[in-house]
């Protein structure tokens, strides 16, 4: 199927090959809700400044955005930062397999400063490897998530992301320190931009 491939310099390439993993197995969602691979989450501010610049440039096209795996137990810092660059009426979801921590979210600098309210971001308890999102999105980001999935779960996740993303929507990934921005077309994903490796948490 088309979503299995990207067009890079005019040549088709498997999108799955961009996300190698060392994880062989992972408990199914529902069997173990709180972080199957590790018990704690990690995040920091300004992890996705490069992709946020892209989202700001294209904000008129983005009415619904989903941030998959933004460390909801720590208040989804990256999701709030992205909410700042999108238009006021956009719906923004923090999608994770752990419960959202309102107390941590209240400590986010953008919330403390009064720029955003806690309810500016909508938490969603969901495993993208299990099924598509309950909403159609114009942009989806998966940052430092595939490295904690098995190859089988990565395939399922990308398939479900394809189903959750509107035509001409954007998929943003970060894996092994590299951020990539794809566009969904009728024939598959097209790689629009690749950002150099940047300092990040070791996720």
Protein backbone atom coordinates (compact mmCIF):
# COMPACT_ATOMS: atom_id res chain seq x y z
CA UNK A 1 0.00 0.00 0.00
CA UNK A 2 1.05 3.58 -0.59
CA UNK A 3 1.54 4.53 3.03
CA UNK A 4 4.32 1.99 3.39
CA UNK A 5 6.61 4.04 1.21
CA UNK A 6 8.02 7.53 1.04
CA UNK A 7 9.28 9.32 -2.03
CA UNK A 8 12.81 10.51 -1.42
CA UNK A 9 14.61 12.11 -4.38
CA UNK A 10 12.07 10.48 -6.67
CA UNK A 11 12.66 6.93 -5.43
CA UNK A 12 10.27 4.92 -3.25
CA UNK A 13 11.66 3.80 0.09
CA UNK A 14 10.06 1.88 2.94
CA UNK A 15 9.05 4.30 5.68
CA UNK A 16 9.47 1.54 8.25
CA UNK A 17 13.21 1.37 7.50
CA UNK A 18 13.66 4.85 8.96
CA UNK A 19 12.76 3.66 12.45
CA UNK A 20 15.03 0.78 13.54
CA UNK A 21 14.40 -0.63 16.99
CA UNK A 22 16.16 -2.96 19.41
CA UNK A 23 12.93 -3.91 21.16
CA UNK A 24 11.75 -7.41 20.27
CA UNK A 25 8.53 -7.63 22.29
CA UNK A 26 6.25 -5.31 24.19
CA UNK A 27 3.18 -6.00 26.38
CA UNK A 28 -0.09 -5.18 24.68
CA UNK A 29 -1.94 -2.02 25.65
CA UNK A 30 -4.41 -2.86 28.40
CA UNK A 31 -2.27 -5.62 29.87
CA UNK A 32 0.14 -3.11 31.34
CA UNK A 33 -1.01 0.50 31.17
CA UNK A 34 1.83 2.37 32.80
CA UNK A 35 4.87 2.43 30.51
CA UNK A 36 5.52 -1.14 29.33
CA UNK A 37 9.24 -0.54 28.68
CA UNK A 38 10.26 1.84 31.44
CA UNK A 39 8.48 3.06 34.53
CA UNK A 40 9.38 6.72 34.26
CA UNK A 41 8.98 9.24 31.46
CA UNK A 42 11.42 11.95 30.49
CA UNK A 43 10.94 15.23 28.69
CA UNK A 44 12.26 18.76 28.52
CA UNK A 45 11.31 22.10 27.02
CA UNK A 46 12.24 23.07 23.45
CA UNK A 47 12.59 19.48 22.25
CA UNK A 48 10.78 20.23 19.01
CA UNK A 49 11.62 23.83 18.18
CA UNK A 50 12.49 22.89 14.59
CA UNK A 51 9.19 21.16 13.86
CA UNK A 52 7.29 23.85 15.75
CA UNK A 53 8.68 26.43 13.33
CA UNK A 54 7.30 24.34 10.47
CA UNK A 55 3.93 24.03 12.19
CA UNK A 56 3.79 27.76 12.75
CA UNK A 57 4.55 28.37 9.06
CA UNK A 58 1.64 26.07 8.15
CA UNK A 59 -0.73 26.86 11.02
CA UNK A 60 -3.55 27.95 8.71
CA UNK A 61 -3.70 24.34 7.43
CA UNK A 62 -3.77 22.75 10.89
CA UNK A 63 -7.11 22.62 12.67
CA UNK A 64 -6.45 19.38 14.58
CA UNK A 65 -3.04 18.33 15.93
CA UNK A 66 -2.08 15.21 17.90
CA UNK A 67 1.16 14.83 19.84
CA UNK A 68 1.81 11.12 20.42
CA UNK A 69 3.92 10.20 23.43
CA UNK A 70 4.56 13.67 24.93
CA UNK A 71 5.09 12.38 28.49
CA UNK A 72 1.62 13.04 29.89
CA UNK A 73 2.75 11.96 33.35
CA UNK A 74 5.01 15.03 33.32
CA UNK A 75 2.43 17.44 31.96
CA UNK A 76 3.03 17.16 28.19
CA UNK A 77 5.44 20.10 27.96
CA UNK A 78 6.03 19.69 24.21
CA UNK A 79 2.31 19.70 23.44
CA UNK A 80 1.77 23.00 25.22
CA UNK A 81 4.71 24.54 23.36
CA UNK A 82 3.15 23.48 20.07
CA UNK A 83 -0.24 24.80 21.14
CA UNK A 84 1.35 28.25 21.36
CA UNK A 85 2.35 28.30 17.68
CA UNK A 86 -0.99 27.09 16.26
CA UNK A 87 -4.10 29.18 15.62
CA UNK A 88 -6.38 29.85 18.56
CA UNK A 89 -9.20 27.65 17.33
CA UNK A 90 -7.08 24.56 16.70
CA UNK A 91 -7.78 21.37 18.65
CA UNK A 92 -4.60 19.97 20.24
CA UNK A 93 -4.38 16.49 21.77
CA UNK A 94 -1.70 15.04 24.06
CA UNK A 95 -1.88 11.32 23.27
CA UNK A 96 -0.20 8.87 25.61
CA UNK A 97 -0.56 5.45 27.23
CA UNK A 98 -0.17 7.03 30.68
CA UNK A 99 -2.60 9.28 32.49
CA UNK A 100 -2.32 13.05 32.21
CA UNK A 101 -0.92 14.82 35.26
CA UNK A 102 -2.70 18.16 35.76
CA UNK A 103 -0.41 19.17 38.62
CA UNK A 104 2.65 18.80 36.40
CA UNK A 105 0.90 20.60 33.55
CA UNK A 106 0.22 23.52 35.87
CA UNK A 107 3.98 23.85 36.34
CA UNK A 108 4.63 24.32 32.61
CA UNK A 109 6.12 27.74 32.00
CA UNK A 110 3.52 28.62 29.36
CA UNK A 111 0.73 27.81 31.83
CA UNK A 112 2.37 29.60 34.78
CA UNK A 113 2.90 32.67 32.64
CA UNK A 114 -0.77 32.80 31.76
CA UNK A 115 -0.19 32.32 28.02
CA UNK A 116 -2.23 29.12 28.06
CA UNK A 117 -4.77 27.42 30.31
CA UNK A 118 -4.41 23.80 31.33
CA UNK A 119 -7.45 22.93 29.24
CA UNK A 120 -5.82 24.42 26.12
CA UNK A 121 -4.54 20.88 25.51
CA UNK A 122 -6.83 17.85 25.51
CA UNK A 123 -5.31 14.68 27.05
CA UNK A 124 -6.16 11.42 25.32
CA UNK A 125 -5.38 8.00 26.81
CA UNK A 126 -4.70 5.95 23.72
CA UNK A 127 -2.22 3.50 22.17
CA UNK A 128 -1.58 4.28 18.50
CA UNK A 129 -0.20 0.77 18.02
CA UNK A 130 -3.63 -0.63 18.92
CA UNK A 131 -5.97 1.48 16.78
CA UNK A 132 -6.29 4.78 14.90
CA UNK A 133 -6.99 8.00 16.75
CA UNK A 134 -10.66 8.83 17.40
CA UNK A 135 -10.23 12.05 15.41
CA UNK A 136 -8.94 12.98 11.96
CA UNK A 137 -5.84 15.16 12.18
CA UNK A 138 -4.10 17.69 9.96
CA UNK A 139 -0.77 17.06 11.70
CA UNK A 140 0.54 14.28 13.95
CA UNK A 141 3.86 14.21 15.78
CA UNK A 142 5.53 11.04 17.09
CA UNK A 143 8.61 12.10 19.00
CA UNK A 144 11.04 9.56 20.47
CA UNK A 145 8.35 6.89 20.67
CA UNK A 146 9.24 4.27 18.05
CA UNK A 147 12.48 3.42 19.84
CA UNK A 148 10.42 1.90 22.65
CA UNK A 149 8.26 -0.20 20.33
CA UNK A 150 8.80 -3.54 18.67
CA UNK A 151 9.09 -3.58 14.88
CA UNK A 152 5.61 -5.08 14.76
CA UNK A 153 4.16 -2.22 16.83
CA UNK A 154 5.94 0.36 14.68
CA UNK A 155 4.27 -1.06 11.57
CA UNK A 156 0.87 -1.04 13.27
CA UNK A 157 1.42 2.49 14.55
CA UNK A 158 2.35 3.91 11.15
CA UNK A 159 -0.64 2.18 9.58
CA UNK A 160 -2.93 3.68 12.23
CA UNK A 161 -1.33 7.10 11.85
CA UNK A 162 -2.02 6.91 8.11
CA UNK A 163 -5.70 6.24 8.87
CA UNK A 164 -5.78 9.11 11.40
CA UNK A 165 -4.20 11.70 9.11
CA UNK A 166 -6.13 13.70 6.54
CA UNK A 167 -4.93 13.85 2.94
CA UNK A 168 -2.15 16.45 2.63
CA UNK A 169 -1.68 16.30 6.39
CA UNK A 170 1.74 16.30 8.04
CA UNK A 171 3.50 13.54 9.96
CA UNK A 172 6.38 14.70 12.14
CA UNK A 173 8.73 12.14 13.63
CA UNK A 174 11.81 12.21 15.80
CA UNK A 175 13.95 9.09 16.04
CA UNK A 176 17.62 8.72 16.96
CA UNK A 177 17.85 12.49 17.20
CA UNK A 178 16.63 13.16 13.65
CA UNK A 179 13.40 15.06 13.01
CA UNK A 180 11.58 14.35 9.76
CA UNK A 181 8.51 16.00 8.30
CA UNK A 182 6.32 14.06 5.86
CA UNK A 183 3.25 14.95 3.86
CA UNK A 184 0.48 12.44 3.21
CA UNK A 185 -0.44 12.15 -0.47
CA UNK A 186 -2.65 9.73 -2.37
CA UNK A 187 0.41 7.72 -3.37
CA UNK A 188 2.14 7.69 0.03
CA UNK A 189 4.22 9.85 2.33
CA UNK A 190 6.57 12.43 0.82
CA UNK A 191 9.57 13.53 2.85
CA UNK A 192 9.42 17.33 2.97
CA UNK A 193 12.18 18.13 5.40
CA UNK A 194 14.84 16.45 7.52
CA UNK A 195 16.37 18.32 10.42
CA UNK A 196 19.89 17.64 11.68
CA UNK A 197 20.49 15.77 14.89
CA UNK A 198 20.07 17.96 17.93
CA UNK A 199 20.72 17.56 21.64
CA UNK A 200 17.86 15.73 23.26
CA UNK A 201 16.97 13.45 26.11
CA UNK A 202 18.21 9.87 25.58
CA UNK A 203 14.77 8.54 24.67
